Amino acid sequence: MGDFAILKVIGEGSFGRALLIWQESSNQTHAMKEIGLPTHMDTCIS
């Protein structure tokens, strides 16, 4: 995310959070959803 800067967290839930970000190259703000994924295969539900 080198071109983006996180301005603030605008929401949080059980799977992740919503962020207000600023894109430096276009000088625009956007909303981005960040989700947490399992890091190990044994934690996945099959």
PDB file of N, CA and C in Angstrom:
ATOM      1  N   MET A   1       0.828  -1.200   0.000  1.00  0.00           N
ATOM      2  CA  MET A   1       0.000   0.000   0.000  1.00  0.00           C
ATOM      3  C   MET A   1       0.863   1.251   0.000  1.00  0.00           C
ATOM      4  N   GLY A   2       1.862   1.296  -0.834  1.00  0.00           N
ATOM      5  CA  GLY A   2       2.775   2.412  -0.846  1.00  0.00           C
ATOM      6  C   GLY A   2       2.152   3.715  -1.303  1.00  0.00           C
ATOM      7  N   ASP A   3       1.115   3.651  -2.136  1.00  0.00           N
ATOM      8  CA  ASP A   3       0.491   4.855  -2.686  1.00  0.00           C
ATOM      9  C   ASP A   3      -0.650   5.363  -1.807  1.00  0.00           C
ATOM     10  N   PHE A   4      -0.970   4.636  -0.739  1.00  0.00           N
ATOM     11  CA  PHE A   4      -2.111   4.976   0.102  1.00  0.00           C
ATOM     12  C   PHE A   4      -1.665   5.316   1.515  1.00  0.00           C
ATOM     13  N   ALA A   5      -2.404   6.215   2.151  1.00  0.00           N
ATOM     14  CA  ALA A   5      -2.183   6.549   3.554  1.00  0.00           C
ATOM     15  C   ALA A   5      -3.515   6.368   4.286  1.00  0.00           C
ATOM     16  N   ILE A   6      -3.487   5.666   5.416  1.00  0.00           N
ATOM     17  CA  ILE A   6      -4.699   5.466   6.213  1.00  0.00           C
ATOM     18  C   ILE A   6      -4.974   6.745   6.997  1.00  0.00           C
ATOM     19  N   LEU A   7      -6.166   7.301   6.799  1.00  0.00           N
ATOM     20  CA  LEU A   7      -6.544   8.519   7.517  1.00  0.00           C
ATOM     21  C   LEU A   7      -7.217   8.189   8.842  1.00  0.00           C
ATOM     22  N   LYS A   8      -8.164   7.219   8.824  1.00  0.00           N
ATOM     23  CA  LYS A   8      -8.803   6.806  10.070  1.00  0.00           C
ATOM     24  C   LYS A   8      -9.611   5.539   9.856  1.00  0.00           C
ATOM     25  N   VAL A   9      -9.904   4.872  10.947  1.00  0.00           N
ATOM     26  CA  VAL A   9     -10.763   3.689  10.931  1.00  0.00           C
ATOM     27  C   VAL A   9     -12.202   4.192  11.043  1.00  0.00           C
ATOM     28  N   ILE A  10     -13.056   3.803  10.076  1.00  0.00           N
ATOM     29  CA  ILE A  10     -14.435   4.290  10.089  1.00  0.00           C
ATOM     30  C   ILE A  10     -15.434   3.222  10.514  1.00  0.00           C
ATOM     31  N   GLY A  11     -14.954   1.995  10.757  1.00  0.00           N
ATOM     32  CA  GLY A  11     -15.831   0.934  11.239  1.00  0.00           C
ATOM     33  C   GLY A  11     -15.054  -0.332  11.522  1.00  0.00           C
ATOM     34  N   GLU A  12     -15.578  -1.146  12.456  1.00  0.00           N
ATOM     35  CA  GLU A  12     -14.950  -2.417  12.783  1.00  0.00           C
ATOM     36  C   GLU A  12     -16.014  -3.477  12.942  1.00  0.00           C
ATOM     37  N   GLY A  13     -15.671  -4.694  12.510  1.00  0.00           N
ATOM     38  CA  GLY A  13     -16.583  -5.818  12.628  1.00  0.00           C
ATOM     39  C   GLY A  13     -15.825  -7.071  13.012  1.00  0.00           C
ATOM     40  N   SER A  14     -16.506  -8.197  12.962  1.00  0.00           N
ATOM     41  CA  SER A  14     -15.881  -9.446  13.392  1.00  0.00           C
ATOM     42  C   SER A  14     -14.857  -9.966  12.396  1.00  0.00           C
ATOM     43  N   PHE A  15     -14.954  -9.598  11.128  1.00  0.00           N
ATOM     44  CA  PHE A  15     -14.018 -10.088  10.114  1.00  0.00           C
ATOM     45  C   PHE A  15     -12.962  -9.068   9.701  1.00  0.00           C
ATOM     46  N   GLY A  16     -13.106  -7.829  10.109  1.00  0.00           N
ATOM     47  CA  GLY A  16     -12.127  -6.829   9.698  1.00  0.00           C
ATOM     48  C   GLY A  16     -12.575  -5.429  10.061  1.00  0.00           C
ATOM     49  N   ARG A  17     -12.070  -4.459   9.289  1.00  0.00           N
ATOM     50  CA  ARG A  17     -12.422  -3.063   9.562  1.00  0.00           C
ATOM     51  C   ARG A  17     -12.496  -2.277   8.267  1.00  0.00           C
ATOM     52  N   ALA A  18     -13.202  -1.154   8.314  1.00  0.00           N
ATOM     53  CA  ALA A  18     -13.323  -0.253   7.172  1.00  0.00           C
ATOM     54  C   ALA A  18     -12.442   0.957   7.449  1.00  0.00           C
ATOM     55  N   LEU A  19     -11.676   1.346   6.428  1.00  0.00           N
ATOM     56  CA  LEU A  19     -10.711   2.427   6.581  1.00  0.00           C
ATOM     57  C   LEU A  19     -11.005   3.560   5.615  1.00  0.00           C
ATOM     58  N   LEU A  20     -10.764   4.777   6.043  1.00  0.00           N
ATOM     59  CA  LEU A  20     -10.760   5.927   5.148  1.00  0.00           C
ATOM     60  C   LEU A  20      -9.306   6.126   4.758  1.00  0.00           C
ATOM     61  N   ILE A  21      -9.022   6.053   3.450  1.00  0.00           N
ATOM     62  CA  ILE A  21      -7.646   6.157   2.971  1.00  0.00           C
ATOM     63  C   ILE A  21      -7.519   7.302   1.986  1.00  0.00           C
ATOM     64  N   TRP A  22      -6.301   7.756   1.807  1.00  0.00           N
ATOM     65  CA  TRP A  22      -5.990   8.823   0.849  1.00  0.00           C
ATOM     66  C   TRP A  22      -5.003   8.271  -0.150  1.00  0.00           C
ATOM     67  N   GLN A  23      -5.319   8.404  -1.440  1.00  0.00           N
ATOM     68  CA  GLN A  23      -4.435   7.960  -2.510  1.00  0.00           C
ATOM     69  C   GLN A  23      -3.598   9.143  -2.963  1.00  0.00           C
ATOM     70  N   GLU A  24      -2.297   9.026  -2.760  1.00  0.00           N
ATOM     71  CA  GLU A  24      -1.401  10.146  -3.032  1.00  0.00           C
ATOM     72  C   GLU A  24      -1.350  10.514  -4.513  1.00  0.00           C
ATOM     73  N   SER A  25      -1.333   9.509  -5.404  1.00  0.00           N
ATOM     74  CA  SER A  25      -1.166   9.802  -6.833  1.00  0.00           C
ATOM     75  C   SER A  25      -2.350  10.558  -7.427  1.00  0.00           C
ATOM     76  N   SER A  26      -3.569  10.283  -6.941  1.00  0.00           N
ATOM     77  CA  SER A  26      -4.745  10.967  -7.485  1.00  0.00           C
ATOM     78  C   SER A  26      -5.278  12.049  -6.560  1.00  0.00           C
ATOM     79  N   ASN A  27      -4.704  12.150  -5.353  1.00  0.00           N
ATOM     80  CA  ASN A  27      -5.145  13.121  -4.354  1.00  0.00           C
ATOM     81  C   ASN A  27      -6.633  12.959  -4.027  1.00  0.00           C
ATOM     82  N   GLN A  28      -7.098  11.700  -3.930  1.00  0.00           N
ATOM     83  CA  GLN A  28      -8.493  11.404  -3.623  1.00  0.00           C
ATOM     84  C   GLN A  28      -8.574  10.538  -2.376  1.00  0.00           C
ATOM     85  N   THR A  29      -9.724  10.614  -1.693  1.00  0.00           N
ATOM     86  CA  THR A  29      -9.974   9.732  -0.559  1.00  0.00           C
ATOM     87  C   THR A  29     -10.897   8.606  -0.996  1.00  0.00           C
ATOM     88  N   HIS A  30     -10.720   7.447  -0.386  1.00  0.00           N
ATOM     89  CA  HIS A  30     -11.509   6.258  -0.695  1.00  0.00           C
ATOM     90  C   HIS A  30     -11.793   5.513   0.599  1.00  0.00           C
ATOM     91  N   ALA A  31     -12.788   4.627   0.550  1.00  0.00           N
ATOM     92  CA  ALA A  31     -13.022   3.692   1.640  1.00  0.00           C
ATOM     93  C   ALA A  31     -12.439   2.346   1.226  1.00  0.00           C
ATOM     94  N   MET A  32     -11.787   1.676   2.167  1.00  0.00           N
ATOM     95  CA  MET A  32     -11.192   0.369   1.902  1.00  0.00           C
ATOM     96  C   MET A  32     -11.598  -0.580   3.014  1.00  0.00           C
ATOM     97  N   LYS A  33     -11.926  -1.802   2.653  1.00  0.00           N
ATOM     98  CA  LYS A  33     -12.255  -2.812   3.645  1.00  0.00           C
ATOM     99  C   LYS A  33     -11.058  -3.734   3.825  1.00  0.00           C
ATOM    100  N   GLU A  34     -10.608  -3.875   5.051  1.00  0.00           N
ATOM    101  CA  GLU A  34      -9.482  -4.739   5.395  1.00  0.00           C
ATOM    102  C   GLU A  34     -10.057  -5.949   6.132  1.00  0.00           C
ATOM    103  N   ILE A  35      -9.782  -7.142   5.615  1.00  0.00           N
ATOM    104  CA  ILE A  35     -10.318  -8.342   6.246  1.00  0.00           C
ATOM    105  C   ILE A  35      -9.180  -9.230   6.720  1.00  0.00           C
ATOM    106  N   GLY A  36      -9.430  -9.934   7.803  1.00  0.00           N
ATOM    107  CA  GLY A  36      -8.450 -10.866   8.332  1.00  0.00           C
ATOM    108  C   GLY A  36      -8.734 -12.263   7.811  1.00  0.00           C
ATOM    109  N   LEU A  37      -7.729 -12.897   7.232  1.00  0.00           N
ATOM    110  CA  LEU A  37      -7.856 -14.258   6.732  1.00  0.00           C
ATOM    111  C   LEU A  37      -7.047 -15.191   7.616  1.00  0.00           C
ATOM    112  N   PRO A  38      -7.478 -16.452   7.730  1.00  0.00           N
ATOM    113  CA  PRO A  38      -6.697 -17.413   8.515  1.00  0.00           C
ATOM    114  C   PRO A  38      -5.300 -17.576   7.920  1.00  0.00           C
ATOM    115  N   THR A  39      -4.305 -17.709   8.786  1.00  0.00           N
ATOM    116  CA  THR A  39      -2.928 -17.844   8.303  1.00  0.00           C
ATOM    117  C   THR A  39      -2.486 -19.288   8.195  1.00  0.00           C
ATOM    118  N   HIS A  40      -3.190 -20.205   8.836  1.00  0.00           N
ATOM    119  CA  HIS A  40      -2.829 -21.627   8.809  1.00  0.00           C
ATOM    120  C   HIS A  40      -3.974 -22.435   8.220  1.00  0.00           C
ATOM    121  N   MET A  41      -3.654 -23.430   7.446  1.00  0.00           N
ATOM    122  CA  MET A  41      -4.689 -24.260   6.830  1.00  0.00           C
ATOM    123  C   MET A  41      -5.501 -25.031   7.864  1.00  0.00           C
ATOM    124  N   ASP A  42      -4.905 -25.375   9.020  1.00  0.00           N
ATOM    125  CA  ASP A  42      -5.640 -26.131  10.022  1.00  0.00           C
ATOM    126  C   ASP A  42      -6.695 -25.294  10.732  1.00  0.00           C
ATOM    127  N   THR A  43      -6.698 -23.960  10.546  1.00  0.00           N
ATOM    128  CA  THR A  43      -7.712 -23.113  11.165  1.00  0.00           C
ATOM    129  C   THR A  43      -8.893 -22.881  10.232  1.00  0.00           C
ATOM    130  N   CYS A  44      -8.812 -23.353   8.983  1.00  0.00           N
ATOM    131  CA  CYS A  44      -9.900 -23.183   8.024  1.00  0.00           C
ATOM    132  C   CYS A  44     -10.991 -24.205   8.286  1.00  0.00           C
ATOM    133  N   ILE A  45     -12.200 -23.799   8.054  1.00  0.00           N
ATOM    134  CA  ILE A  45     -13.348 -24.709   8.198  1.00  0.00           C
ATOM    135  C   ILE A  45     -13.567 -25.388   6.868  1.00  0.00           C
ATOM    136  N   SER A  46     -13.644 -26.721   6.859  1.00  0.00           N
ATOM    137  CA  SER A  46     -13.864 -27.431   5.601  1.00  0.00           C
ATOM    138  C   SER A  46     -15.208 -28.104   5.553  1.00  0.00           C
TER     139      SER A  46
END
